[in-house]
């Protein structure tokens, strides 16, 4: 049995979120939430919300024991990129890419 949670269109670059996700992959849920709470990385608050949501889904929808849950899979994929322009020297324009991300978390129960 597995429980999932997804956060889409998070306005943060996936390259900032991926190192935070690597910290909690394979860990117990309570340990993962403790790690995320004290991680200074920019994406830690967003990833923490996704893991908490997956934990709530497991408890309420699938009647899983929250003490036996672990983060089996956590992925960060690139979402759509907003393109903006900024004035440059001598009449040129520089492109600004405002990236977004999709975060998905899957929890499973240990036997």
PDB file of N, CA and C in Angstrom:
ATOM      1  N   UNK A   1       0.846  -1.178   0.000  1.00  0.00           N
ATOM      2  CA  UNK A   1       0.000   0.000   0.000  1.00  0.00           C
ATOM      3  C   UNK A   1       0.888   1.236   0.000  1.00  0.00           C
ATOM      4  N   UNK A   2       0.495   2.234  -0.746  1.00  0.00           N
ATOM      5  CA  UNK A   2       1.276   3.472  -0.792  1.00  0.00           C
ATOM      6  C   UNK A   2       0.342   4.674  -0.835  1.00  0.00           C
ATOM      7  N   UNK A   3       0.855   5.777  -0.302  1.00  0.00           N
ATOM      8  CA  UNK A   3       0.109   7.036  -0.292  1.00  0.00           C
ATOM      9  C   UNK A   3       0.936   8.086  -1.006  1.00  0.00           C
ATOM     10  N   UNK A   4       0.269   8.934  -1.771  1.00  0.00           N
ATOM     11  CA  UNK A   4       0.973   9.936  -2.568  1.00  0.00           C
ATOM     12  C   UNK A   4       0.479  11.339  -2.260  1.00  0.00           C
ATOM     13  N   UNK A   5       1.340  12.307  -2.557  1.00  0.00           N
ATOM     14  CA  UNK A   5       0.968  13.724  -2.515  1.00  0.00           C
ATOM     15  C   UNK A   5       1.782  14.439  -3.575  1.00  0.00           C
ATOM     16  N   UNK A   6       1.174  15.434  -4.213  1.00  0.00           N
ATOM     17  CA  UNK A   6       1.838  16.162  -5.293  1.00  0.00           C
ATOM     18  C   UNK A   6       1.636  17.655  -5.084  1.00  0.00           C
ATOM     19  N   UNK A   7       2.707  18.420  -5.267  1.00  0.00           N
ATOM     20  CA  UNK A   7       2.618  19.885  -5.293  1.00  0.00           C
ATOM     21  C   UNK A   7       3.049  20.325  -6.684  1.00  0.00           C
ATOM     22  N   UNK A   8       2.132  20.969  -7.392  1.00  0.00           N
ATOM     23  CA  UNK A   8       2.435  21.389  -8.758  1.00  0.00           C
ATOM     24  C   UNK A   8       2.622  22.895  -8.840  1.00  0.00           C
ATOM     25  N   UNK A   9       3.391  23.303  -9.813  1.00  0.00           N
ATOM     26  CA  UNK A   9       3.626  24.716 -10.130  1.00  0.00           C
ATOM     27  C   UNK A   9       4.223  25.488  -8.948  1.00  0.00           C
ATOM     28  N   UNK A  10       5.155  24.875  -8.251  1.00  0.00           N
ATOM     29  CA  UNK A  10       5.850  25.547  -7.156  1.00  0.00           C
ATOM     30  C   UNK A  10       6.821  26.537  -7.776  1.00  0.00           C
ATOM     31  N   UNK A  11       6.731  27.807  -7.383  1.00  0.00           N
ATOM     32  CA  UNK A  11       7.548  28.849  -8.011  1.00  0.00           C
ATOM     33  C   UNK A  11       8.962  28.874  -7.435  1.00  0.00           C
ATOM     34  N   UNK A  12       9.687  27.784  -7.679  1.00  0.00           N
ATOM     35  CA  UNK A  12      11.073  27.680  -7.257  1.00  0.00           C
ATOM     36  C   UNK A  12      11.775  26.762  -8.251  1.00  0.00           C
ATOM     37  N   UNK A  13      13.029  27.015  -8.482  1.00  0.00           N
ATOM     38  CA  UNK A  13      13.774  26.218  -9.439  1.00  0.00           C
ATOM     39  C   UNK A  13      13.966  24.792  -8.922  1.00  0.00           C
ATOM     40  N   UNK A  14      13.813  23.782  -9.784  1.00  0.00           N
ATOM     41  CA  UNK A  14      14.012  22.401  -9.348  1.00  0.00           C
ATOM     42  C   UNK A  14      15.432  22.134  -8.845  1.00  0.00           C
ATOM     43  N   UNK A  15      16.404  22.890  -9.338  1.00  0.00           N
ATOM     44  CA  UNK A  15      17.777  22.670  -8.890  1.00  0.00           C
ATOM     45  C   UNK A  15      17.980  23.066  -7.433  1.00  0.00           C
ATOM     46  N   UNK A  16      17.114  23.935  -6.897  1.00  0.00           N
ATOM     47  CA  UNK A  16      17.192  24.304  -5.484  1.00  0.00           C
ATOM     48  C   UNK A  16      16.468  23.288  -4.604  1.00  0.00           C
ATOM     49  N   UNK A  17      15.484  22.586  -5.171  1.00  0.00           N
ATOM     50  CA  UNK A  17      14.679  21.657  -4.391  1.00  0.00           C
ATOM     51  C   UNK A  17      15.294  20.259  -4.359  1.00  0.00           C
ATOM     52  N   UNK A  18      15.979  19.849  -5.422  1.00  0.00           N
ATOM     53  CA  UNK A  18      16.502  18.486  -5.524  1.00  0.00           C
ATOM     54  C   UNK A  18      17.448  18.101  -4.389  1.00  0.00           C
ATOM     55  N   UNK A  19      18.401  18.943  -3.976  1.00  0.00           N
ATOM     56  CA  UNK A  19      19.277  18.537  -2.863  1.00  0.00           C
ATOM     57  C   UNK A  19      18.524  18.316  -1.555  1.00  0.00           C
ATOM     58  N   UNK A  20      17.446  19.059  -1.342  1.00  0.00           N
ATOM     59  CA  UNK A  20      16.640  18.882  -0.128  1.00  0.00           C
ATOM     60  C   UNK A  20      15.915  17.540  -0.182  1.00  0.00           C
ATOM     61  N   UNK A  21      15.419  17.162  -1.352  1.00  0.00           N
ATOM     62  CA  UNK A  21      14.729  15.880  -1.498  1.00  0.00           C
ATOM     63  C   UNK A  21      15.681  14.699  -1.307  1.00  0.00           C
ATOM     64  N   UNK A  22      16.930  14.878  -1.719  1.00  0.00           N
ATOM     65  CA  UNK A  22      17.915  13.807  -1.556  1.00  0.00           C
ATOM     66  C   UNK A  22      18.176  13.503  -0.086  1.00  0.00           C
ATOM     67  N   UNK A  23      17.969  14.500   0.794  1.00  0.00           N
ATOM     68  CA  UNK A  23      18.209  14.300   2.220  1.00  0.00           C
ATOM     69  C   UNK A  23      17.208  13.329   2.846  1.00  0.00           C
ATOM     70  N   UNK A  24      15.975  13.315   2.362  1.00  0.00           N
ATOM     71  CA  UNK A  24      14.915  12.556   3.027  1.00  0.00           C
ATOM     72  C   UNK A  24      14.519  11.275   2.311  1.00  0.00           C
ATOM     73  N   UNK A  25      15.042  11.028   1.127  1.00  0.00           N
ATOM     74  CA  UNK A  25      14.661   9.831   0.376  1.00  0.00           C
ATOM     75  C   UNK A  25      15.081   8.571   1.139  1.00  0.00           C
ATOM     76  N   UNK A  26      14.122   7.663   1.388  1.00  0.00           N
ATOM     77  CA  UNK A  26      14.400   6.414   2.083  1.00  0.00           C
ATOM     78  C   UNK A  26      14.316   6.488   3.601  1.00  0.00           C
ATOM     79  N   UNK A  27      14.068   7.667   4.140  1.00  0.00           N
ATOM     80  CA  UNK A  27      14.040   7.841   5.596  1.00  0.00           C
ATOM     81  C   UNK A  27      12.634   7.584   6.153  1.00  0.00           C
ATOM     82  N   UNK A  28      12.568   7.341   7.453  1.00  0.00           N
ATOM     83  CA  UNK A  28      11.307   7.241   8.169  1.00  0.00           C
ATOM     84  C   UNK A  28      10.608   8.604   8.098  1.00  0.00           C
ATOM     85  N   UNK A  29       9.284   8.638   8.082  1.00  0.00           N
ATOM     86  CA  UNK A  29       8.555   9.894   7.887  1.00  0.00           C
ATOM     87  C   UNK A  29       8.833  10.890   9.012  1.00  0.00           C
ATOM     88  N   UNK A  30       8.799  10.435  10.250  1.00  0.00           N
ATOM     89  CA  UNK A  30       9.035  11.358  11.361  1.00  0.00           C
ATOM     90  C   UNK A  30      10.456  11.902  11.336  1.00  0.00           C
ATOM     91  N   UNK A  31      11.411  11.052  10.976  1.00  0.00           N
ATOM     92  CA  UNK A  31      12.802  11.492  10.847  1.00  0.00           C
ATOM     93  C   UNK A  31      12.955  12.479   9.690  1.00  0.00           C
ATOM     94  N   UNK A  32      12.268  12.202   8.584  1.00  0.00           N
ATOM     95  CA  UNK A  32      12.327  13.088   7.419  1.00  0.00           C
ATOM     96  C   UNK A  32      11.759  14.463   7.746  1.00  0.00           C
ATOM     97  N   UNK A  33      10.644  14.500   8.473  1.00  0.00           N
ATOM     98  CA  UNK A  33      10.045  15.788   8.843  1.00  0.00           C
ATOM     99  C   UNK A  33      10.954  16.565   9.799  1.00  0.00           C
ATOM    100  N   UNK A  34      11.638  15.856  10.692  1.00  0.00           N
ATOM    101  CA  UNK A  34      12.583  16.526  11.589  1.00  0.00           C
ATOM    102  C   UNK A  34      13.760  17.104  10.818  1.00  0.00           C
ATOM    103  N   UNK A  35      14.253  16.361   9.834  1.00  0.00           N
ATOM    104  CA  UNK A  35      15.359  16.847   9.001  1.00  0.00           C
ATOM    105  C   UNK A  35      14.929  18.089   8.233  1.00  0.00           C
ATOM    106  N   UNK A  36      13.727  18.043   7.642  1.00  0.00           N
ATOM    107  CA  UNK A  36      13.254  19.165   6.829  1.00  0.00           C
ATOM    108  C   UNK A  36      12.993  20.408   7.672  1.00  0.00           C
ATOM    109  N   UNK A  37      12.565  20.212   8.908  1.00  0.00           N
ATOM    110  CA  UNK A  37      12.266  21.354   9.763  1.00  0.00           C
ATOM    111  C   UNK A  37      13.511  22.183  10.053  1.00  0.00           C
ATOM    112  N   UNK A  38      14.670  21.511  10.180  1.00  0.00           N
ATOM    113  CA  UNK A  38      15.898  22.209  10.544  1.00  0.00           C
ATOM    114  C   UNK A  38      16.872  22.375   9.385  1.00  0.00           C
ATOM    115  N   UNK A  39      16.419  22.130   8.171  1.00  0.00           N
ATOM    116  CA  UNK A  39      17.261  22.325   6.992  1.00  0.00           C
ATOM    117  C   UNK A  39      17.125  23.763   6.507  1.00  0.00           C
ATOM    118  N   UNK A  40      18.241  24.475   6.342  1.00  0.00           N
ATOM    119  CA  UNK A  40      18.146  25.865   5.920  1.00  0.00           C
ATOM    120  C   UNK A  40      17.909  26.051   4.421  1.00  0.00           C
ATOM    121  N   UNK A  41      17.856  24.977   3.640  1.00  0.00           N
ATOM    122  CA  UNK A  41      17.670  25.086   2.202  1.00  0.00           C
ATOM    123  C   UNK A  41      16.362  25.758   1.843  1.00  0.00           C
ATOM    124  N   UNK A  42      16.330  26.426   0.698  1.00  0.00           N
ATOM    125  CA  UNK A  42      15.150  27.189   0.313  1.00  0.00           C
ATOM    126  C   UNK A  42      13.922  26.318   0.092  1.00  0.00           C
ATOM    127  N   UNK A  43      14.116  25.131  -0.435  1.00  0.00           N
ATOM    128  CA  UNK A  43      12.979  24.287  -0.764  1.00  0.00           C
ATOM    129  C   UNK A  43      12.478  23.432   0.373  1.00  0.00           C
ATOM    130  N   UNK A  44      13.079  23.548   1.547  1.00  0.00           N
ATOM    131  CA  UNK A  44      12.728  22.637   2.641  1.00  0.00           C
ATOM    132  C   UNK A  44      11.288  22.827   3.126  1.00  0.00           C
ATOM    133  N   UNK A  45      10.776  24.051   3.138  1.00  0.00           N
ATOM    134  CA  UNK A  45       9.408  24.270   3.613  1.00  0.00           C
ATOM    135  C   UNK A  45       8.387  23.655   2.658  1.00  0.00           C
ATOM    136  N   UNK A  46       8.640  23.764   1.369  1.00  0.00           N
ATOM    137  CA  UNK A  46       7.707  23.215   0.382  1.00  0.00           C
ATOM    138  C   UNK A  46       7.722  21.688   0.438  1.00  0.00           C
ATOM    139  N   UNK A  47       8.918  21.108   0.526  1.00  0.00           N
ATOM    140  CA  UNK A  47       9.035  19.650   0.585  1.00  0.00           C
ATOM    141  C   UNK A  47       8.406  19.133   1.874  1.00  0.00           C
ATOM    142  N   UNK A  48       8.568  19.881   2.964  1.00  0.00           N
ATOM    143  CA  UNK A  48       7.965  19.483   4.242  1.00  0.00           C
ATOM    144  C   UNK A  48       6.444  19.422   4.127  1.00  0.00           C
ATOM    145  N   UNK A  49       5.848  20.396   3.445  1.00  0.00           N
ATOM    146  CA  UNK A  49       4.395  20.400   3.262  1.00  0.00           C
ATOM    147  C   UNK A  49       3.933  19.194   2.449  1.00  0.00           C
ATOM    148  N   UNK A  50       4.706  18.822   1.427  1.00  0.00           N
ATOM    149  CA  UNK A  50       4.319  17.691   0.588  1.00  0.00           C
ATOM    150  C   UNK A  50       4.401  16.388   1.382  1.00  0.00           C
ATOM    151  N   UNK A  51       5.460  16.220   2.179  1.00  0.00           N
ATOM    152  CA  UNK A  51       5.613  15.005   2.974  1.00  0.00           C
ATOM    153  C   UNK A  51       4.512  14.920   4.033  1.00  0.00           C
ATOM    154  N   UNK A  52       4.185  16.049   4.664  1.00  0.00           N
ATOM    155  CA  UNK A  52       3.097  16.052   5.651  1.00  0.00           C
ATOM    156  C   UNK A  52       1.758  15.717   5.004  1.00  0.00           C
ATOM    157  N   UNK A  53       1.537  16.206   3.797  1.00  0.00           N
ATOM    158  CA  UNK A  53       0.303  15.912   3.081  1.00  0.00           C
ATOM    159  C   UNK A  53       0.209  14.427   2.744  1.00  0.00           C
ATOM    160  N   UNK A  54       1.327  13.835   2.304  1.00  0.00           N
ATOM    161  CA  UNK A  54       1.335  12.404   1.997  1.00  0.00           C
ATOM    162  C   UNK A  54       1.096  11.583   3.261  1.00  0.00           C
ATOM    163  N   UNK A  55       1.649  12.033   4.387  1.00  0.00           N
ATOM    164  CA  UNK A  55       1.437  11.340   5.664  1.00  0.00           C
ATOM    165  C   UNK A  55      -0.044  11.403   6.059  1.00  0.00           C
ATOM    166  N   UNK A  56      -0.658  12.575   5.905  1.00  0.00           N
ATOM    167  CA  UNK A  56      -2.079  12.722   6.217  1.00  0.00           C
ATOM    168  C   UNK A  56      -2.936  11.859   5.292  1.00  0.00           C
ATOM    169  N   UNK A  57      -2.561  11.787   4.016  1.00  0.00           N
ATOM    170  CA  UNK A  57      -3.300  10.925   3.082  1.00  0.00           C
ATOM    171  C   UNK A  57      -3.209   9.467   3.498  1.00  0.00           C
ATOM    172  N   UNK A  58      -2.024   9.040   3.949  1.00  0.00           N
ATOM    173  CA  UNK A  58      -1.835   7.652   4.361  1.00  0.00           C
ATOM    174  C   UNK A  58      -2.684   7.325   5.587  1.00  0.00           C
ATOM    175  N   UNK A  59      -2.710   8.257   6.543  1.00  0.00           N
ATOM    176  CA  UNK A  59      -3.476   8.023   7.776  1.00  0.00           C
ATOM    177  C   UNK A  59      -4.977   8.029   7.521  1.00  0.00           C
ATOM    178  N   UNK A  60      -5.459   9.054   6.834  1.00  0.00           N
ATOM    179  CA  UNK A  60      -6.901   9.258   6.709  1.00  0.00           C
ATOM    180  C   UNK A  60      -7.548   8.444   5.600  1.00  0.00           C
ATOM    181  N   UNK A  61      -6.850   8.274   4.483  1.00  0.00           N
ATOM    182  CA  UNK A  61      -7.469   7.607   3.341  1.00  0.00           C
ATOM    183  C   UNK A  61      -7.208   6.108   3.305  1.00  0.00           C
ATOM    184  N   UNK A  62      -6.035   5.673   3.817  1.00  0.00           N
ATOM    185  CA  UNK A  62      -5.662   4.266   3.686  1.00  0.00           C
ATOM    186  C   UNK A  62      -5.496   3.561   5.027  1.00  0.00           C
ATOM    187  N   UNK A  63      -5.766   4.241   6.142  1.00  0.00           N
ATOM    188  CA  UNK A  63      -5.657   3.666   7.491  1.00  0.00           C
ATOM    189  C   UNK A  63      -4.301   3.011   7.737  1.00  0.00           C
ATOM    190  N   UNK A  64      -3.229   3.674   7.325  1.00  0.00           N
ATOM    191  CA  UNK A  64      -1.882   3.162   7.549  1.00  0.00           C
ATOM    192  C   UNK A  64      -1.353   3.697   8.878  1.00  0.00           C
ATOM    193  N   UNK A  65      -0.470   2.929   9.501  1.00  0.00           N
ATOM    194  CA  UNK A  65       0.137   3.333  10.765  1.00  0.00           C
ATOM    195  C   UNK A  65       1.229   4.371  10.476  1.00  0.00           C
ATOM    196  N   UNK A  66       1.136   5.585  11.017  1.00  0.00           N
ATOM    197  CA  UNK A  66       2.121   6.629  10.680  1.00  0.00           C
ATOM    198  C   UNK A  66       3.527   6.340  11.199  1.00  0.00           C
ATOM    199  N   UNK A  67       3.657   5.436  12.190  1.00  0.00           N
ATOM    200  CA  UNK A  67       4.986   5.116  12.720  1.00  0.00           C
ATOM    201  C   UNK A  67       5.766   4.183  11.799  1.00  0.00           C
ATOM    202  N   UNK A  68       5.067   3.452  10.932  1.00  0.00           N
ATOM    203  CA  UNK A  68       5.736   2.501  10.032  1.00  0.00           C
ATOM    204  C   UNK A  68       5.984   3.063   8.640  1.00  0.00           C
ATOM    205  N   UNK A  69       5.654   4.321   8.404  1.00  0.00           N
ATOM    206  CA  UNK A  69       5.782   4.901   7.059  1.00  0.00           C
ATOM    207  C   UNK A  69       7.211   5.363   6.792  1.00  0.00           C
ATOM    208  N   UNK A  70       7.612   5.253   5.532  1.00  0.00           N
ATOM    209  CA  UNK A  70       8.897   5.801   5.096  1.00  0.00           C
ATOM    210  C   UNK A  70       8.750   6.405   3.704  1.00  0.00           C
ATOM    211  N   UNK A  71       9.657   7.301   3.370  1.00  0.00           N
ATOM    212  CA  UNK A  71       9.616   7.987   2.081  1.00  0.00           C
ATOM    213  C   UNK A  71      10.231   7.070   1.042  1.00  0.00           C
ATOM    214  N   UNK A  72       9.400   6.397   0.271  1.00  0.00           N
ATOM    215  CA  UNK A  72       9.928   5.451  -0.708  1.00  0.00           C
ATOM    216  C   UNK A  72      10.373   6.160  -1.981  1.00  0.00           C
ATOM    217  N   UNK A  73       9.673   7.235  -2.328  1.00  0.00           N
ATOM    218  CA  UNK A  73      10.008   7.932  -3.576  1.00  0.00           C
ATOM    219  C   UNK A  73       9.660   9.400  -3.430  1.00  0.00           C
ATOM    220  N   UNK A  74      10.597  10.261  -3.805  1.00  0.00           N
ATOM    221  CA  UNK A  74      10.306  11.699  -3.826  1.00  0.00           C
ATOM    222  C   UNK A  74      10.991  12.265  -5.066  1.00  0.00           C
ATOM    223  N   UNK A  75      10.197  12.879  -5.918  1.00  0.00           N
ATOM    224  CA  UNK A  75      10.690  13.353  -7.213  1.00  0.00           C
ATOM    225  C   UNK A  75      10.446  14.845  -7.370  1.00  0.00           C
ATOM    226  N   UNK A  76      11.353  15.489  -8.087  1.00  0.00           N
ATOM    227  CA  UNK A  76      11.182  16.892  -8.455  1.00  0.00           C
ATOM    228  C   UNK A  76      11.356  16.986  -9.956  1.00  0.00           C
ATOM    229  N   UNK A  77      10.317  17.417 -10.638  1.00  0.00           N
ATOM    230  CA  UNK A  77      10.368  17.596 -12.084  1.00  0.00           C
ATOM    231  C   UNK A  77      10.181  19.069 -12.417  1.00  0.00           C
ATOM    232  N   UNK A  78      10.663  19.447 -13.582  1.00  0.00           N
ATOM    233  CA  UNK A  78      10.545  20.838 -13.989  1.00  0.00           C
ATOM    234  C   UNK A  78       9.148  21.127 -14.507  1.00  0.00           C
ATOM    235  N   UNK A  79       8.587  22.240 -14.046  1.00  0.00           N
ATOM    236  CA  UNK A  79       7.288  22.699 -14.516  1.00  0.00           C
ATOM    237  C   UNK A  79       7.484  23.718 -15.629  1.00  0.00           C
ATOM    238  N   UNK A  80       6.442  24.432 -15.965  1.00  0.00           N
ATOM    239  CA  UNK A  80       6.563  25.445 -17.012  1.00  0.00           C
ATOM    240  C   UNK A  80       7.437  26.613 -16.573  1.00  0.00           C
ATOM    241  N   UNK A  81       8.084  27.226 -17.548  1.00  0.00           N
ATOM    242  CA  UNK A  81       8.978  28.352 -17.285  1.00  0.00           C
ATOM    243  C   UNK A  81       8.346  29.634 -17.825  1.00  0.00           C
ATOM    244  N   UNK A  82       8.239  30.646 -16.954  1.00  0.00           N
ATOM    245  CA  UNK A  82       7.753  31.947 -17.408  1.00  0.00           C
ATOM    246  C   UNK A  82       8.936  32.736 -17.958  1.00  0.00           C
ATOM    247  N   UNK A  83       8.747  33.345 -19.105  1.00  0.00           N
ATOM    248  CA  UNK A  83       9.831  34.097 -19.734  1.00  0.00           C
ATOM    249  C   UNK A  83       9.550  35.587 -19.636  1.00  0.00           C
ATOM    250  N   UNK A  84      10.494  36.305 -19.089  1.00  0.00           N
ATOM    251  CA  UNK A  84      10.380  37.751 -18.928  1.00  0.00           C
ATOM    252  C   UNK A  84      11.600  38.412 -19.546  1.00  0.00           C
ATOM    253  N   UNK A  85      11.482  39.693 -19.887  1.00  0.00           N
ATOM    254  CA  UNK A  85      12.567  40.421 -20.529  1.00  0.00           C
ATOM    255  C   UNK A  85      13.029  41.561 -19.648  1.00  0.00           C
ATOM    256  N   UNK A  86      14.317  41.821 -19.686  1.00  0.00           N
ATOM    257  CA  UNK A  86      14.906  42.921 -18.935  1.00  0.00           C
ATOM    258  C   UNK A  86      15.753  43.747 -19.894  1.00  0.00           C
ATOM    259  N   UNK A  87      15.663  45.041 -19.765  1.00  0.00           N
ATOM    260  CA  UNK A  87      16.411  45.921 -20.661  1.00  0.00           C
ATOM    261  C   UNK A  87      17.905  45.717 -20.479  1.00  0.00           C
ATOM    262  N   UNK A  88      18.602  45.657 -21.594  1.00  0.00           N
ATOM    263  CA  UNK A  88      20.052  45.480 -21.571  1.00  0.00           C
ATOM    264  C   UNK A  88      20.736  46.695 -22.166  1.00  0.00           C
ATOM    265  N   UNK A  89      22.037  46.626 -22.252  1.00  0.00           N
ATOM    266  CA  UNK A  89      22.822  47.742 -22.783  1.00  0.00           C
ATOM    267  C   UNK A  89      22.615  47.874 -24.293  1.00  0.00           C
ATOM    268  N   UNK A  90      22.672  49.096 -24.759  1.00  0.00           N
ATOM    269  CA  UNK A  90      22.626  49.429 -26.188  1.00  0.00           C
ATOM    270  C   UNK A  90      21.371  48.888 -26.867  1.00  0.00           C
ATOM    271  N   UNK A  91      20.239  48.986 -26.187  1.00  0.00           N
ATOM    272  CA  UNK A  91      18.970  48.609 -26.796  1.00  0.00           C
ATOM    273  C   UNK A  91      18.695  47.125 -26.837  1.00  0.00           C
ATOM    274  N   UNK A  92      19.544  46.349 -26.248  1.00  0.00           N
ATOM    275  CA  UNK A  92      19.320  44.900 -26.244  1.00  0.00           C
ATOM    276  C   UNK A  92      18.382  44.525 -25.095  1.00  0.00           C
ATOM    277  N   UNK A  93      17.980  43.265 -25.097  1.00  0.00           N
ATOM    278  CA  UNK A  93      17.130  42.755 -24.020  1.00  0.00           C
ATOM    279  C   UNK A  93      17.703  41.428 -23.537  1.00  0.00           C
ATOM    280  N   UNK A  94      17.670  41.232 -22.226  1.00  0.00           N
ATOM    281  CA  UNK A  94      18.125  39.975 -21.644  1.00  0.00           C
ATOM    282  C   UNK A  94      16.933  39.188 -21.137  1.00  0.00           C
ATOM    283  N   UNK A  95      16.937  37.889 -21.398  1.00  0.00           N
ATOM    284  CA  UNK A  95      15.812  37.054 -20.986  1.00  0.00           C
ATOM    285  C   UNK A  95      15.978  36.620 -19.534  1.00  0.00           C
ATOM    286  N   UNK A  96      14.885  36.679 -18.788  1.00  0.00           N
ATOM    287  CA  UNK A  96      14.852  36.174 -17.417  1.00  0.00           C
ATOM    288  C   UNK A  96      13.926  34.969 -17.421  1.00  0.00           C
ATOM    289  N   UNK A  97      14.419  33.828 -16.922  1.00  0.00           N
ATOM    290  CA  UNK A  97      13.627  32.610 -16.865  1.00  0.00           C
ATOM    291  C   UNK A  97      13.163  32.394 -15.434  1.00  0.00           C
ATOM    292  N   UNK A  98      11.850  32.404 -15.224  1.00  0.00           N
ATOM    293  CA  UNK A  98      11.295  32.153 -13.898  1.00  0.00           C
ATOM    294  C   UNK A  98      10.771  30.722 -13.899  1.00  0.00           C
ATOM    295  N   UNK A  99      11.554  29.842 -13.301  1.00  0.00           N
ATOM    296  CA  UNK A  99      11.266  28.417 -13.378  1.00  0.00           C
ATOM    297  C   UNK A  99      10.276  27.983 -12.302  1.00  0.00           C
ATOM    298  N   UNK A 100       9.603  26.868 -12.570  1.00  0.00           N
ATOM    299  CA  UNK A 100       8.697  26.279 -11.580  1.00  0.00           C
ATOM    300  C   UNK A 100       8.970  24.782 -11.523  1.00  0.00           C
ATOM    301  N   UNK A 101       8.411  24.130 -10.494  1.00  0.00           N
ATOM    302  CA  UNK A 101       8.689  22.720 -10.272  1.00  0.00           C
ATOM    303  C   UNK A 101       7.423  21.978  -9.861  1.00  0.00           C
ATOM    304  N   UNK A 102       7.434  20.663 -10.102  1.00  0.00           N
ATOM    305  CA  UNK A 102       6.401  19.755  -9.614  1.00  0.00           C
ATOM    306  C   UNK A 102       7.084  18.783  -8.654  1.00  0.00           C
ATOM    307  N   UNK A 103       6.565  18.669  -7.419  1.00  0.00           N
ATOM    308  CA  UNK A 103       7.140  17.774  -6.415  1.00  0.00           C
ATOM    309  C   UNK A 103       6.123  16.681  -6.126  1.00  0.00           C
ATOM    310  N   UNK A 104       6.559  15.417  -6.188  1.00  0.00           N
ATOM    311  CA  UNK A 104       5.675  14.307  -5.841  1.00  0.00           C
ATOM    312  C   UNK A 104       6.370  13.414  -4.824  1.00  0.00           C
ATOM    313  N   UNK A 105       5.594  12.965  -3.828  1.00  0.00           N
ATOM    314  CA  UNK A 105       6.123  12.160  -2.735  1.00  0.00           C
ATOM    315  C   UNK A 105       5.262  10.915  -2.580  1.00  0.00           C
ATOM    316  N   UNK A 106       5.919   9.760  -2.430  1.00  0.00           N
ATOM    317  CA  UNK A 106       5.219   8.496  -2.218  1.00  0.00           C
ATOM    318  C   UNK A 106       5.711   7.884  -0.910  1.00  0.00           C
ATOM    319  N   UNK A 107       4.775   7.523  -0.045  1.00  0.00           N
ATOM    320  CA  UNK A 107       5.103   6.877   1.225  1.00  0.00           C
ATOM    321  C   UNK A 107       4.631   5.424   1.192  1.00  0.00           C
ATOM    322  N   UNK A 108       5.447   4.542   1.770  1.00  0.00           N
ATOM    323  CA  UNK A 108       5.066   3.132   1.894  1.00  0.00           C
ATOM    324  C   UNK A 108       5.202   2.723   3.350  1.00  0.00           C
ATOM    325  N   UNK A 109       4.596   1.583   3.668  1.00  0.00           N
ATOM    326  CA  UNK A 109       4.606   1.081   5.033  1.00  0.00           C
ATOM    327  C   UNK A 109       5.649  -0.030   5.159  1.00  0.00           C
ATOM    328  N   UNK A 110       6.483   0.083   6.204  1.00  0.00           N
ATOM    329  CA  UNK A 110       7.461  -0.989   6.467  1.00  0.00           C
ATOM    330  C   UNK A 110       6.754  -2.158   7.119  1.00  0.00           C
ATOM    331  N   UNK A 111       7.264  -3.341   6.845  1.00  0.00           N
ATOM    332  CA  UNK A 111       6.648  -4.550   7.411  1.00  0.00           C
ATOM    333  C   UNK A 111       7.270  -4.884   8.742  1.00  0.00           C
TER     334      UNK A 111
END
